[in-house]
Amino acid sequence: MRYIWLTIYNLIIYPLFFVLTLFLIPFNKKIRLGFFGRLKSRKELLKFKSKTSFSKNYWFHVSSHGEYQQVQSIIAELKKDNIGIIVSFFSPSGFNNVNDDNIDCKIYLPFDFLISLYRSLKIVNPSKFIIASYDVWPNVISVCKMLGIKTLLISLRIHSDSFKLSFIGRSLYKAVYDQINQIFTVSSKDLSNLKKIINSERFMAMGNPRFDVAYLKSEDVSIKISLNDRIDKKLFLFASLWPEDHKILFPHIFDLLKKHSNSKIILVPHEISESIIGSYETLAKENNLSYKVIDRYLDMKNIEEDVIIVNAVGILYKLYWQSYASYIGGGFSIGGIHNIMEPAVASNPVIFGKNYSNSNFLEANQLLSSSAAFSVNSSEDLMNTFTNLSNKDFYLHASNSSKNVIENNLGSTKKLMSVIVDG
């Protein structure tokens, strides 16, 4: 069946995908950026090869920014030795937003044609090709096998209702997964589902390195407020907000300032722009609230205004260490919720919308089942959740549970390093 599927893929599926991509280039900016970025990938690999002399190279492939967090801690460990790191992305949202000094060569994944992949991989001839989570391309695996490059798929997740477990899905993915040298799932449940597709001793559950990334990142935070101080002076943080979140939040969340003395609201948009910052300023004025726009990391205790509007990137993970509770946006959008581990590391009870079946699904389920997180469907749900959190015992249980979920999931990086380096 493997050869049948590869034939179908190379003669029908991928050519159709490629033609559709060409058709959509004029209409979709992300597709346009990705397409023309791929045209430059081989040139970047040649430049990397000519200017470096590492003892060996490892090639990591991730779909986007969220999946990069699955390999970030592993890359940091590898860079302690003389190893060259190549990272390829599928999506512009990953390529444009990941800036890590540990990456020696950042490219878009070349088109999944046998010839283009062979020419690209042959340039650097990596010792290992490591894929994060799910973005597996059949010809990548085939060419790696042809060149003797060991392939690993890490942090794999397979939901029980996944297409991969359907009759056709099992046949297709068995043909692909069977060619990968080693596969490591996030949980034992994922491993059980993987074994419904193909059962092999090469496959193991190894946990989620993203927990390690979030934990290590928190060590850089200089201002960490105790839980008692957070309860006394409540900072309600609303982060990574999309327009769909605005419909749920405003103007209802401003009632929190009336119900809780010494409280403030922090607003952090998903994408910063003059228009969105201006709209938050207008909302504050319309509700007779004082506001302050900040463009750097500050101690929030020193700010007197009611509403704090964040006009800066790269400081959100630090703000969680001052906040009382965090609402994470995206849960009312198609893409789903954003990073919920960073607020959990900081012992924040976490609130998000109903759409969390994306790359943060596992973490969301763990936090929800531990009563550390709360999913809401409406403005009424949101405000009721904040009312429940106003009970000190309820709040402390959620806060401590949030921290415990993180601590109980640490260590995946170390386990994966043992098989990546020695395997």
Protein backbone atom coordinates (compact mmCIF):
# COMPACT_ATOMS: atom_id res chain seq x y z
CA MET A 1 0.00 0.00 0.00
CA ARG A 2 2.90 2.36 0.69
CA TYR A 3 3.92 2.55 -2.97
CA ILE A 4 0.32 3.00 -4.06
CA TRP A 5 -0.15 5.94 -1.69
CA LEU A 6 3.17 7.52 -2.71
CA THR A 7 2.17 7.23 -6.35
CA ILE A 8 -1.22 8.81 -5.70
CA TYR A 9 0.43 11.55 -3.65
CA ASN A 10 3.07 12.40 -6.28
CA LEU A 11 0.83 12.15 -9.32
CA ILE A 12 -2.44 13.57 -7.97
CA ILE A 13 -2.56 14.97 -4.42
CA TYR A 14 0.52 17.19 -4.28
CA PRO A 15 0.31 18.44 -7.91
CA LEU A 16 -3.29 19.52 -7.21
CA PHE A 17 -2.19 21.19 -3.97
CA PHE A 18 0.59 23.00 -5.84
CA VAL A 19 -1.76 24.22 -8.61
CA LEU A 20 -4.26 25.45 -6.00
CA THR A 21 -1.42 27.32 -4.28
CA LEU A 22 -0.50 29.03 -7.56
CA PHE A 23 -4.11 30.04 -8.07
CA LEU A 24 -4.40 31.55 -4.57
CA ILE A 25 -1.12 33.50 -4.62
CA PRO A 26 -2.72 36.79 -5.80
CA PHE A 27 -5.47 36.58 -3.17
CA ASN A 28 -3.75 35.37 -0.01
CA LYS A 29 -0.77 37.13 1.55
CA LYS A 30 0.35 34.17 3.66
CA ILE A 31 0.30 31.80 0.71
CA ARG A 32 2.18 34.37 -1.37
CA LEU A 33 4.87 34.84 1.28
CA GLY A 34 5.28 31.09 1.74
CA PHE A 35 5.51 30.37 -1.97
CA PHE A 36 8.16 32.95 -2.78
CA GLY A 37 9.98 32.15 0.45
CA ARG A 38 10.35 28.54 -0.69
CA LEU A 39 11.97 29.71 -3.90
CA LYS A 40 14.81 31.13 -1.77
CA SER A 41 15.32 28.10 0.49
CA ARG A 42 18.00 26.34 -1.55
CA LYS A 43 19.99 29.58 -1.86
CA GLU A 44 19.89 30.03 1.93
CA LEU A 45 21.08 26.46 2.47
CA LEU A 46 24.01 27.01 0.10
CA LYS A 47 24.92 30.21 1.96
CA PHE A 48 24.75 28.39 5.30
CA LYS A 49 26.93 25.55 4.02
CA SER A 50 29.58 27.89 2.58
CA LYS A 51 29.93 29.99 5.75
CA THR A 52 29.82 27.35 8.49
CA SER A 53 31.80 24.30 9.54
CA PHE A 54 29.82 22.49 12.22
CA SER A 55 30.74 18.96 13.23
CA LYS A 56 27.20 17.93 12.30
CA ASN A 57 23.90 19.53 11.33
CA TYR A 58 20.40 18.82 12.66
CA TRP A 59 17.39 19.92 10.60
CA PHE A 60 14.18 20.71 12.50
CA HIS A 61 10.88 21.24 10.73
CA VAL A 62 7.87 22.95 12.33
CA SER A 63 4.63 24.18 10.89
CA SER A 64 4.36 27.47 12.76
CA HIS A 65 5.31 29.44 15.85
CA GLY A 66 3.40 27.23 18.29
CA GLU A 67 5.08 24.08 17.02
CA TYR A 68 8.49 25.73 17.29
CA GLN A 69 8.02 25.72 21.05
CA GLN A 70 8.00 21.91 20.86
CA VAL A 71 11.66 21.96 19.75
CA GLN A 72 12.97 25.23 21.24
CA SER A 73 14.35 23.69 24.43
CA ILE A 74 15.89 20.79 22.49
CA ILE A 75 17.64 23.19 20.12
CA ALA A 76 18.97 25.18 23.08
CA GLU A 77 20.49 22.01 24.53
CA LEU A 78 22.02 20.93 21.20
CA LYS A 79 23.67 24.32 20.72
CA LYS A 80 25.79 23.68 23.79
CA ASP A 81 27.81 21.44 21.46
CA ASN A 82 29.22 22.26 18.04
CA ILE A 83 26.02 21.40 16.15
CA GLY A 84 24.51 23.40 13.30
CA ILE A 85 20.78 24.03 13.57
CA ILE A 86 18.57 24.39 10.51
CA VAL A 87 14.89 25.17 11.09
CA SER A 88 12.33 25.09 8.31
CA PHE A 89 8.80 26.46 8.60
CA PHE A 90 5.67 25.83 6.61
CA SER A 91 3.80 28.96 7.67
CA PRO A 92 4.87 32.62 7.42
CA SER A 93 3.47 33.14 10.93
CA GLY A 94 6.26 30.91 12.18
CA PHE A 95 9.00 32.06 9.84
CA ASN A 96 8.35 35.75 10.52
CA ASN A 97 7.82 35.54 14.28
CA VAL A 98 10.47 33.10 15.46
CA ASN A 99 13.74 34.89 16.19
CA ASP A 100 16.10 32.60 18.06
CA ASP A 101 19.87 33.09 18.14
CA ASN A 102 20.26 29.31 18.38
CA ILE A 103 19.03 28.93 14.79
CA ASP A 104 21.91 28.96 12.30
CA CYS A 105 19.77 28.72 9.15
CA LYS A 106 16.07 29.64 8.97
CA ILE A 107 14.14 28.75 5.81
CA TYR A 108 10.78 27.73 4.46
CA LEU A 109 10.43 23.99 3.87
CA PRO A 110 11.17 23.39 0.15
CA PHE A 111 8.33 22.28 -2.09
CA ASP A 112 7.51 18.61 -1.51
CA PHE A 113 8.78 17.42 -4.88
CA LEU A 114 11.34 14.62 -4.86
CA ILE A 115 13.88 16.51 -6.98
CA SER A 116 13.71 19.82 -5.07
CA LEU A 117 13.96 18.06 -1.73
CA TYR A 118 16.86 15.88 -2.85
CA ARG A 119 18.82 18.92 -4.04
CA SER A 120 18.13 20.81 -0.80
CA LEU A 121 18.84 18.02 1.67
CA LYS A 122 21.95 16.97 -0.20
CA ILE A 123 23.51 20.41 0.40
CA VAL A 124 23.65 20.12 4.19
CA ASN A 125 23.17 16.36 4.59
CA PRO A 126 21.88 16.66 8.17
CA SER A 127 22.55 13.87 10.64
CA LYS A 128 18.90 13.93 11.67
CA PHE A 129 15.67 15.44 10.40
CA ILE A 130 13.32 16.16 13.30
CA ILE A 131 9.67 17.05 12.78
CA ALA A 132 7.52 18.68 15.47
CA SER A 133 3.98 17.44 16.10
CA TYR A 134 2.25 16.82 12.81
CA ASP A 135 3.60 18.59 9.72
CA VAL A 136 4.83 15.44 7.98
CA TRP A 137 5.41 15.59 4.21
CA PRO A 138 5.72 12.17 2.51
CA ASN A 139 8.52 13.07 0.10
CA VAL A 140 10.60 14.60 2.88
CA ILE A 141 10.60 11.22 4.60
CA SER A 142 11.28 9.36 1.35
CA VAL A 143 14.27 11.53 0.40
CA CYS A 144 15.71 11.36 3.92
CA LYS A 145 15.50 7.59 3.72
CA MET A 146 17.19 7.68 0.31
CA LEU A 147 20.06 9.80 1.69
CA GLY A 148 20.44 7.82 4.91
CA ILE A 149 19.20 10.69 7.11
CA LYS A 150 17.55 9.51 10.31
CA THR A 151 14.02 10.90 10.77
CA LEU A 152 12.23 11.59 14.06
CA LEU A 153 8.71 12.81 14.73
CA ILE A 154 8.35 14.27 18.22
CA SER A 155 5.45 15.62 20.30
CA LEU A 156 2.91 13.82 18.12
CA ARG A 157 -0.72 14.16 19.10
CA ILE A 158 -3.52 12.03 17.73
CA HIS A 159 -7.00 12.89 19.01
CA SER A 160 -9.52 10.07 19.25
CA ASP A 161 -11.69 11.69 16.55
CA SER A 162 -8.74 12.35 14.22
CA PHE A 163 -9.00 11.61 10.49
CA LYS A 164 -5.85 9.56 10.98
CA LEU A 165 -7.92 6.92 12.77
CA SER A 166 -10.49 6.57 9.98
CA PHE A 167 -10.25 3.68 7.51
CA ILE A 168 -8.58 5.77 4.78
CA GLY A 169 -6.54 7.79 7.30
CA ARG A 170 -5.04 4.69 8.90
CA SER A 171 -3.98 3.35 5.52
CA LEU A 172 -2.46 6.66 4.41
CA TYR A 173 -0.62 7.45 7.64
CA LYS A 174 0.61 3.91 8.07
CA ALA A 175 2.40 4.29 4.73
CA VAL A 176 4.07 7.49 5.96
CA TYR A 177 4.74 6.70 9.63
CA ASP A 178 6.24 3.32 8.79
CA GLN A 179 9.14 5.12 7.08
CA ILE A 180 9.99 7.33 10.08
CA ASN A 181 12.79 5.96 12.24
CA GLN A 182 11.36 7.04 15.60
CA ILE A 183 8.08 8.60 16.75
CA PHE A 184 7.50 10.07 20.20
CA THR A 185 4.01 11.06 21.29
CA VAL A 186 3.04 13.60 23.94
CA SER A 187 0.88 11.25 26.04
CA SER A 188 0.14 7.57 26.53
CA LYS A 189 -3.31 8.20 24.99
CA ASP A 190 -1.65 9.58 21.85
CA LEU A 191 0.62 6.53 21.79
CA SER A 192 -2.38 4.23 22.07
CA ASN A 193 -4.03 5.97 19.12
CA LEU A 194 -0.78 5.81 17.13
CA LYS A 195 -0.65 2.06 17.66
CA LYS A 196 -4.10 1.78 16.07
CA ILE A 197 -2.40 3.01 12.89
CA ILE A 198 0.87 1.14 13.20
CA ASN A 199 2.22 -0.80 16.16
CA SER A 200 5.95 -0.58 16.70
CA GLU A 201 8.42 -0.75 19.56
CA ARG A 202 10.14 2.29 17.99
CA PHE A 203 7.31 4.50 19.26
CA MET A 204 7.14 5.88 22.81
CA ALA A 205 5.36 8.55 24.85
CA MET A 206 7.85 11.25 25.86
CA GLY A 207 5.79 14.19 27.12
CA ASN A 208 5.59 17.78 25.91
CA PRO A 209 8.75 19.95 25.71
CA ARG A 210 6.63 23.10 25.63
CA PHE A 211 6.19 22.82 29.39
CA ASP A 212 9.97 22.99 29.78
CA VAL A 213 10.14 26.01 27.48
CA ALA A 214 7.50 27.92 29.44
CA TYR A 215 9.16 27.06 32.76
CA LEU A 216 12.69 28.03 31.67
CA LYS A 217 11.42 31.26 30.13
CA SER A 218 9.95 32.28 33.48
CA GLU A 219 13.39 32.28 35.09
CA ASP A 220 14.15 35.57 33.29
CA VAL A 221 11.28 37.39 34.99
CA SER A 222 12.57 40.00 37.45
CA ILE A 223 9.27 41.02 39.06
CA LYS A 224 7.24 38.22 40.65
CA ILE A 225 4.31 39.18 42.85
CA SER A 226 3.21 36.87 45.67
CA LEU A 227 -0.28 35.35 45.56
CA ASN A 228 -1.34 37.37 48.63
CA ASP A 229 -0.35 40.62 46.91
CA ARG A 230 -2.11 39.57 43.73
CA ILE A 231 -5.29 38.90 45.73
CA ASP A 232 -4.97 42.26 47.47
CA LYS A 233 -4.39 44.29 44.31
CA LYS A 234 -6.02 42.42 41.48
CA LEU A 235 -4.59 42.80 37.97
CA PHE A 236 -7.00 41.24 35.49
CA LEU A 237 -4.98 40.41 32.37
CA PHE A 238 -6.66 40.01 28.97
CA ALA A 239 -4.04 38.77 26.50
CA SER A 240 -3.68 37.90 22.81
CA LEU A 241 -7.05 39.46 22.03
CA TRP A 242 -8.78 39.10 18.66
CA PRO A 243 -11.80 41.11 17.47
CA GLU A 244 -13.97 38.08 18.28
CA ASP A 245 -12.81 38.31 21.90
CA HIS A 246 -13.77 41.97 22.06
CA LYS A 247 -17.43 41.07 21.55
CA ILE A 248 -17.33 38.88 24.65
CA LEU A 249 -15.21 41.16 26.83
CA PHE A 250 -16.48 44.70 26.29
CA PRO A 251 -17.90 46.55 28.10
CA HIS A 252 -18.64 43.81 30.67
CA ILE A 253 -15.10 43.41 32.03
CA PHE A 254 -15.03 47.00 33.20
CA ASP A 255 -17.51 45.97 35.91
CA LEU A 256 -14.59 44.15 37.54
CA LEU A 257 -13.12 47.51 38.49
CA LYS A 258 -16.31 48.41 40.35
CA LYS A 259 -16.56 45.06 42.15
CA HIS A 260 -12.94 44.88 43.25
CA SER A 261 -11.17 47.77 44.93
CA ASN A 262 -7.48 48.28 44.11
CA SER A 263 -7.96 46.45 40.81
CA LYS A 264 -6.75 47.19 37.29
CA ILE A 265 -7.32 45.78 33.82
CA ILE A 266 -4.48 45.04 31.40
CA LEU A 267 -5.29 44.77 27.68
CA VAL A 268 -2.86 43.06 25.28
CA PRO A 269 -3.93 42.72 21.63
CA HIS A 270 -2.87 39.78 19.49
CA GLU A 271 -1.53 42.12 16.82
CA ILE A 272 -0.41 45.59 17.83
CA SER A 273 -1.45 48.50 15.64
CA GLU A 274 -2.34 52.16 16.06
CA SER A 275 -5.99 51.41 15.32
CA ILE A 276 -6.36 48.69 17.95
CA ILE A 277 -4.53 50.70 20.62
CA GLY A 278 -6.74 53.66 19.73
CA SER A 279 -9.88 51.56 20.06
CA TYR A 280 -8.86 50.48 23.58
CA GLU A 281 -8.25 54.12 24.51
CA THR A 282 -11.72 55.01 23.22
CA LEU A 283 -13.32 52.19 25.24
CA ALA A 284 -11.65 53.44 28.41
CA LYS A 285 -12.83 57.01 27.77
CA GLU A 286 -16.40 55.88 27.02
CA ASN A 287 -16.50 54.10 30.37
CA ASN A 288 -15.01 57.06 32.26
CA LEU A 289 -11.85 55.16 33.13
CA SER A 290 -8.32 56.46 33.30
CA TYR A 291 -5.79 54.62 31.12
CA LYS A 292 -2.10 54.39 30.36
CA VAL A 293 -0.38 52.98 27.27
CA ILE A 294 2.94 51.26 28.03
CA ASP A 295 5.62 50.28 25.53
CA ARG A 296 7.98 48.45 27.92
CA TYR A 297 7.90 46.12 30.91
CA LEU A 298 7.00 47.91 34.16
CA ASP A 299 6.07 47.19 37.74
CA MET A 300 2.29 47.53 37.57
CA LYS A 301 2.03 48.54 41.24
CA ASN A 302 3.48 51.90 40.26
CA ILE A 303 0.75 52.63 37.72
CA GLU A 304 -2.28 54.50 39.04
CA GLU A 305 -4.55 54.32 35.99
CA ASP A 306 -7.52 51.90 35.81
CA VAL A 307 -6.72 50.42 32.41
CA ILE A 308 -3.23 49.54 31.17
CA ILE A 309 -2.87 49.09 27.42
CA VAL A 310 0.21 47.18 26.26
CA ASN A 311 1.79 48.52 23.08
CA ALA A 312 4.85 46.24 23.09
CA VAL A 313 5.80 42.71 22.10
CA GLY A 314 7.87 40.20 24.03
CA ILE A 315 6.78 41.15 27.55
CA LEU A 316 3.52 39.24 27.95
CA TYR A 317 5.07 36.21 29.67
CA LYS A 318 6.49 38.57 32.30
CA LEU A 319 3.16 40.28 32.95
CA TYR A 320 1.57 36.99 34.03
CA TRP A 321 3.78 37.07 37.13
CA GLN A 322 2.01 40.23 38.27
CA SER A 323 -1.53 39.29 37.28
CA TYR A 324 -4.33 37.85 39.38
CA ALA A 325 -6.03 35.87 36.61
CA SER A 326 -5.63 35.71 32.84
CA TYR A 327 -8.04 35.55 29.95
CA ILE A 328 -6.28 34.17 26.86
CA GLY A 329 -7.72 35.18 23.50
CA GLY A 330 -8.35 33.27 20.31
CA GLY A 331 -11.00 30.94 21.70
CA PHE A 332 -13.74 32.57 19.67
CA SER A 333 -11.67 32.61 16.47
CA ILE A 334 -10.98 29.93 13.88
CA GLY A 335 -7.32 29.56 14.90
CA GLY A 336 -8.09 28.73 18.54
CA ILE A 337 -6.51 29.82 21.81
CA HIS A 338 -2.98 31.10 22.23
CA ASN A 339 -0.29 29.98 24.68
CA ILE A 340 -1.87 29.03 28.01
CA MET A 341 1.21 27.50 29.62
CA GLU A 342 2.93 30.83 30.30
CA PRO A 343 0.11 32.08 32.57
CA ALA A 344 -0.11 28.62 34.17
CA VAL A 345 3.61 28.70 35.04
CA ALA A 346 2.90 31.95 36.88
CA SER A 347 0.09 30.26 38.87
CA ASN A 348 -2.65 32.17 37.06
CA PRO A 349 -6.14 30.70 36.84
CA VAL A 350 -6.67 30.70 33.07
CA ILE A 351 -9.84 31.56 31.15
CA PHE A 352 -10.43 31.07 27.42
CA GLY A 353 -13.14 30.64 24.81
CA LYS A 354 -14.78 27.47 23.54
CA ASN A 355 -12.41 26.82 20.62
CA TYR A 356 -9.35 25.21 22.19
CA SER A 357 -9.06 22.16 19.92
CA ASN A 358 -5.86 23.45 18.30
CA SER A 359 -2.18 22.96 19.15
CA ASN A 360 -2.95 23.87 22.79
CA PHE A 361 -5.62 21.18 23.15
CA LEU A 362 -3.73 18.86 25.50
CA GLU A 363 -2.61 21.62 27.86
CA ALA A 364 -6.14 23.06 27.89
CA ASN A 365 -7.63 19.67 28.81
CA GLN A 366 -5.10 19.14 31.59
CA LEU A 367 -5.76 22.57 33.08
CA LEU A 368 -9.53 22.20 32.72
CA SER A 369 -9.59 18.76 34.36
CA SER A 370 -7.53 20.15 37.26
CA SER A 371 -9.92 23.11 37.76
CA ALA A 372 -7.03 25.41 36.93
CA ALA A 373 -8.66 26.71 33.75
CA PHE A 374 -12.17 27.63 32.68
CA SER A 375 -13.73 27.65 29.23
CA VAL A 376 -16.48 30.21 28.61
CA ASN A 377 -19.09 30.52 25.89
CA SER A 378 -20.44 34.00 26.54
CA SER A 379 -20.00 37.26 28.42
CA GLU A 380 -22.25 35.89 31.15
CA ASP A 381 -20.06 32.80 31.53
CA LEU A 382 -16.99 34.99 31.71
CA MET A 383 -18.32 37.23 34.46
CA ASN A 384 -19.65 34.24 36.43
CA THR A 385 -16.16 32.73 36.31
CA PHE A 386 -14.66 35.91 37.72
CA THR A 387 -17.33 35.86 40.44
CA ASN A 388 -16.30 32.32 41.39
CA LEU A 389 -12.65 33.34 41.45
CA SER A 390 -13.47 36.11 43.92
CA ASN A 391 -13.87 33.34 46.52
CA LYS A 392 -10.38 33.08 48.02
CA ASP A 393 -10.41 29.30 48.51
CA PHE A 394 -11.67 28.75 44.98
CA TYR A 395 -9.01 31.07 43.63
CA LEU A 396 -6.14 29.49 45.57
CA HIS A 397 -7.16 26.01 44.46
CA ALA A 398 -7.20 27.11 40.81
CA SER A 399 -3.92 28.96 41.16
CA ASN A 400 -2.08 26.08 42.84
CA SER A 401 -3.56 23.56 40.41
CA SER A 402 -2.32 25.66 37.52
CA LYS A 403 1.23 25.58 38.84
CA ASN A 404 1.02 21.84 39.63
CA VAL A 405 0.00 20.93 36.07
CA ILE A 406 3.18 22.59 34.81
CA GLU A 407 5.47 21.03 37.41
CA ASN A 408 4.03 17.55 36.82
CA ASN A 409 4.84 17.78 33.11
CA LEU A 410 8.45 18.97 33.24
CA GLY A 411 11.34 16.85 31.98
CA SER A 412 10.36 15.97 28.43
CA THR A 413 13.36 17.81 26.97
CA LYS A 414 15.83 15.71 28.93
CA LYS A 415 14.14 12.46 27.86
CA LEU A 416 14.02 13.48 24.21
CA MET A 417 17.65 14.64 24.25
CA SER A 418 18.75 11.17 25.34
CA VAL A 419 17.22 9.58 22.22
CA ILE A 420 18.01 12.40 19.79
CA VAL A 421 21.70 12.54 20.64
CA ASP A 422 22.33 8.89 21.45
CA GLY A 423 19.69 7.21 19.31
